[in-house]
Amino acid sequence: MSKLATRRALLLLNPKARRGQELIAPIVERLERGRLSVAVEKFEALPEIARDIVRLRQTADLVVVCGGDGSVSAAAMAVVESSLPMGIIPMGTANDLARTLDIPMDLLQAADVIAQGRLRQIDIGTVNGNAFFNVASIGLSTELAKGLDPTLKKRFGRLG
């Protein structure tokens, strides 16, 4: 990392996300070219993401979540508590929040958005202690993003 690095990024990777097994090195390199010093933490279960943010918040200037809507939601309350900005690398199935915010689905282009330091304030809601941003769902939306099961297609017709 060059001496020009001015911000420290805590990159949290969900290897179970749909694209979570893709190489992280090109993303880290892209962020580092944008003057970020990047520390990568993998997590195995969604509750770990909040614990990692709380545990490591003093070592970071921003949090980067590599995962889908579930990962982002799992990080949300800890991000709010830490007062750190959060970047999203959309590696999930639907990536609904990333799409709503016009974050590129291309991982390197999403890293460029973070490296450029673009900030946008958004609202957050909670239901039973669980955070949500632009939509609350009980799981059908993920099935829709994957492609409806033939029995669901027959039952619900053409959705989306």
Protein backbone atom coordinates (compact mmCIF):
# COMPACT_ATOMS: atom_id res chain seq x y z
CA MET A 1 0.00 0.00 0.00
CA SER A 2 1.40 3.37 -0.96
CA LYS A 3 2.00 6.22 1.45
CA LEU A 4 -0.84 8.09 -0.27
CA ALA A 5 -3.48 5.90 1.38
CA THR A 6 -5.72 8.13 3.43
CA ARG A 7 -8.65 5.91 4.42
CA ARG A 8 -8.86 2.48 6.03
CA ALA A 9 -11.51 0.10 4.71
CA LEU A 10 -12.81 -2.92 6.60
CA LEU A 11 -13.94 -5.27 3.82
CA LEU A 12 -16.34 -7.94 5.07
CA LEU A 13 -16.74 -10.88 2.69
CA ASN A 14 -19.63 -13.31 2.71
CA PRO A 15 -18.22 -16.41 0.98
CA LYS A 16 -21.74 -17.94 0.99
CA ALA A 17 -23.18 -15.12 -1.12
CA ARG A 18 -24.07 -16.09 -4.69
CA ARG A 19 -20.82 -14.56 -6.02
CA GLY A 20 -18.91 -14.91 -2.74
CA GLN A 21 -16.40 -17.36 -4.17
CA GLU A 22 -15.17 -14.95 -6.83
CA LEU A 23 -11.64 -13.67 -6.44
CA ILE A 24 -11.45 -10.82 -3.97
CA ALA A 25 -7.91 -9.74 -4.93
CA PRO A 26 -8.95 -7.66 -7.98
CA ILE A 27 -11.51 -5.81 -5.84
CA VAL A 28 -8.94 -5.12 -3.12
CA GLU A 29 -6.45 -3.92 -5.76
CA ARG A 30 -9.06 -1.57 -7.23
CA LEU A 31 -9.87 -0.14 -3.79
CA GLU A 32 -6.16 0.28 -3.02
CA ARG A 33 -5.67 2.17 -6.29
CA GLY A 34 -8.34 4.49 -4.92
CA ARG A 35 -6.14 5.27 -1.90
CA LEU A 36 -7.76 2.86 0.53
CA SER A 37 -5.90 0.57 2.89
CA VAL A 38 -8.00 -2.61 2.93
CA ALA A 39 -8.34 -5.21 5.69
CA VAL A 40 -10.34 -8.28 4.60
CA GLU A 41 -12.47 -10.26 7.07
CA LYS A 42 -14.48 -13.30 5.97
CA PHE A 43 -17.49 -14.32 8.00
CA GLU A 44 -19.30 -17.64 8.09
CA ALA A 45 -22.67 -16.57 9.50
CA LEU A 46 -24.57 -13.29 9.20
CA PRO A 47 -24.46 -12.48 12.94
CA GLU A 48 -20.66 -12.45 12.71
CA ILE A 49 -20.70 -9.42 10.44
CA ALA A 50 -22.08 -7.11 13.15
CA ARG A 51 -19.61 -8.48 15.70
CA ASP A 52 -16.73 -7.86 13.27
CA ILE A 53 -17.82 -4.26 12.70
CA VAL A 54 -18.13 -3.57 16.43
CA ARG A 55 -14.82 -5.31 17.17
CA LEU A 56 -12.86 -3.60 14.37
CA ARG A 57 -14.56 -0.20 14.09
CA GLN A 58 -11.61 1.65 15.60
CA THR A 59 -9.34 0.32 12.83
CA ALA A 60 -11.53 1.53 9.95
CA ASP A 61 -12.81 4.69 8.32
CA LEU A 62 -15.43 2.82 6.31
CA VAL A 63 -17.01 -0.61 6.01
CA VAL A 64 -17.31 -2.43 2.68
CA VAL A 65 -19.81 -5.28 2.58
CA CYS A 66 -19.23 -7.91 -0.11
CA GLY A 67 -22.45 -9.86 -0.19
CA GLY A 68 -26.12 -9.48 -0.89
CA ASP A 69 -29.09 -7.85 0.76
CA GLY A 70 -28.89 -10.21 3.75
CA SER A 71 -25.26 -9.31 4.40
CA VAL A 72 -25.99 -5.60 4.07
CA SER A 73 -28.96 -5.87 6.43
CA ALA A 74 -26.90 -7.87 8.94
CA ALA A 75 -24.26 -5.12 8.92
CA ALA A 76 -26.67 -2.20 9.08
CA MET A 77 -27.22 -1.70 12.80
CA ALA A 78 -23.51 -2.08 13.62
CA VAL A 79 -22.65 0.37 10.84
CA VAL A 80 -25.14 2.89 12.23
CA GLU A 81 -23.78 2.36 15.75
CA SER A 82 -20.20 2.81 14.58
CA SER A 83 -21.02 5.95 12.54
CA LEU A 84 -18.93 4.57 9.68
CA PRO A 85 -19.99 4.89 6.05
CA MET A 86 -20.77 1.62 4.29
CA GLY A 87 -19.93 0.63 0.74
CA ILE A 88 -21.56 -2.28 -1.07
CA ILE A 89 -19.94 -4.76 -3.44
CA PRO A 90 -23.04 -6.59 -4.78
CA MET A 91 -22.22 -10.28 -4.58
CA GLY A 92 -25.67 -11.58 -3.64
CA THR A 93 -28.58 -12.98 -5.57
CA ALA A 94 -30.95 -10.04 -5.88
CA ASN A 95 -28.79 -7.11 -4.69
CA ASP A 96 -31.97 -5.08 -4.44
CA LEU A 97 -30.51 -2.23 -2.38
CA ALA A 98 -27.48 -1.94 -4.64
CA ARG A 99 -29.73 -1.79 -7.69
CA THR A 100 -31.95 0.82 -6.05
CA LEU A 101 -28.87 2.95 -5.31
CA ASP A 102 -27.55 2.49 -8.88
CA ILE A 103 -24.44 0.69 -7.65
CA PRO A 104 -22.95 -1.17 -10.62
CA MET A 105 -23.39 -4.94 -10.61
CA ASP A 106 -19.87 -5.23 -12.02
CA LEU A 107 -17.73 -5.81 -8.92
CA LEU A 108 -14.80 -3.69 -10.05
CA GLN A 109 -17.06 -0.80 -11.05
CA ALA A 110 -18.75 -1.02 -7.63
CA ALA A 111 -15.28 -0.85 -6.05
CA ASP A 112 -14.59 2.29 -8.10
CA VAL A 113 -17.71 3.95 -6.66
CA ILE A 114 -16.43 3.23 -3.15
CA ALA A 115 -12.89 4.35 -3.95
CA GLN A 116 -14.23 7.64 -5.32
CA GLY A 117 -15.75 8.29 -1.90
CA ARG A 118 -19.26 8.97 -3.13
CA LEU A 119 -21.52 9.24 -0.09
CA ARG A 120 -25.28 9.05 0.00
CA GLN A 121 -27.43 9.15 3.10
CA ILE A 122 -30.31 6.67 3.12
CA ASP A 123 -33.04 5.75 5.55
CA ILE A 124 -33.01 2.54 7.55
CA GLY A 125 -35.96 0.79 9.15
CA THR A 126 -36.18 -2.01 11.66
CA VAL A 127 -38.68 -4.79 12.25
CA ASN A 128 -38.22 -6.95 15.34
CA GLY A 129 -34.62 -5.76 15.62
CA ASN A 130 -33.81 -6.60 11.98
CA ALA A 131 -32.75 -3.77 9.68
CA PHE A 132 -34.15 -3.12 6.24
CA PHE A 133 -33.61 -0.41 3.67
CA ASN A 134 -35.85 -0.24 0.63
CA VAL A 135 -37.87 -3.41 1.09
CA ALA A 136 -38.80 -5.95 3.73
CA SER A 137 -39.23 -9.51 2.46
CA ILE A 138 -39.99 -12.97 3.74
CA GLY A 139 -37.98 -14.83 1.11
CA LEU A 140 -40.12 -14.97 -2.02
CA SER A 141 -38.12 -12.10 -3.52
CA THR A 142 -34.96 -14.22 -3.43
CA GLU A 143 -36.77 -17.03 -5.22
CA LEU A 144 -37.95 -14.53 -7.83
CA ALA A 145 -34.40 -13.30 -8.33
CA LYS A 146 -33.21 -16.89 -8.84
CA GLY A 147 -36.08 -17.66 -11.19
CA LEU A 148 -39.38 -19.03 -10.01
CA ASP A 149 -39.69 -22.69 -9.25
CA PRO A 150 -42.03 -24.23 -11.88
CA THR A 151 -44.67 -24.97 -9.21
CA LEU A 152 -44.57 -21.34 -8.08
CA LYS A 153 -44.82 -20.12 -11.66
CA LYS A 154 -47.96 -22.18 -12.11
CA ARG A 155 -49.41 -20.91 -8.83
CA PHE A 156 -48.50 -17.22 -9.14
CA GLY A 157 -48.36 -16.79 -12.91
CA ARG A 158 -45.84 -14.43 -14.45
CA LEU A 159 -44.29 -12.25 -11.71
CA GLY A 160 -41.64 -9.73 -12.79
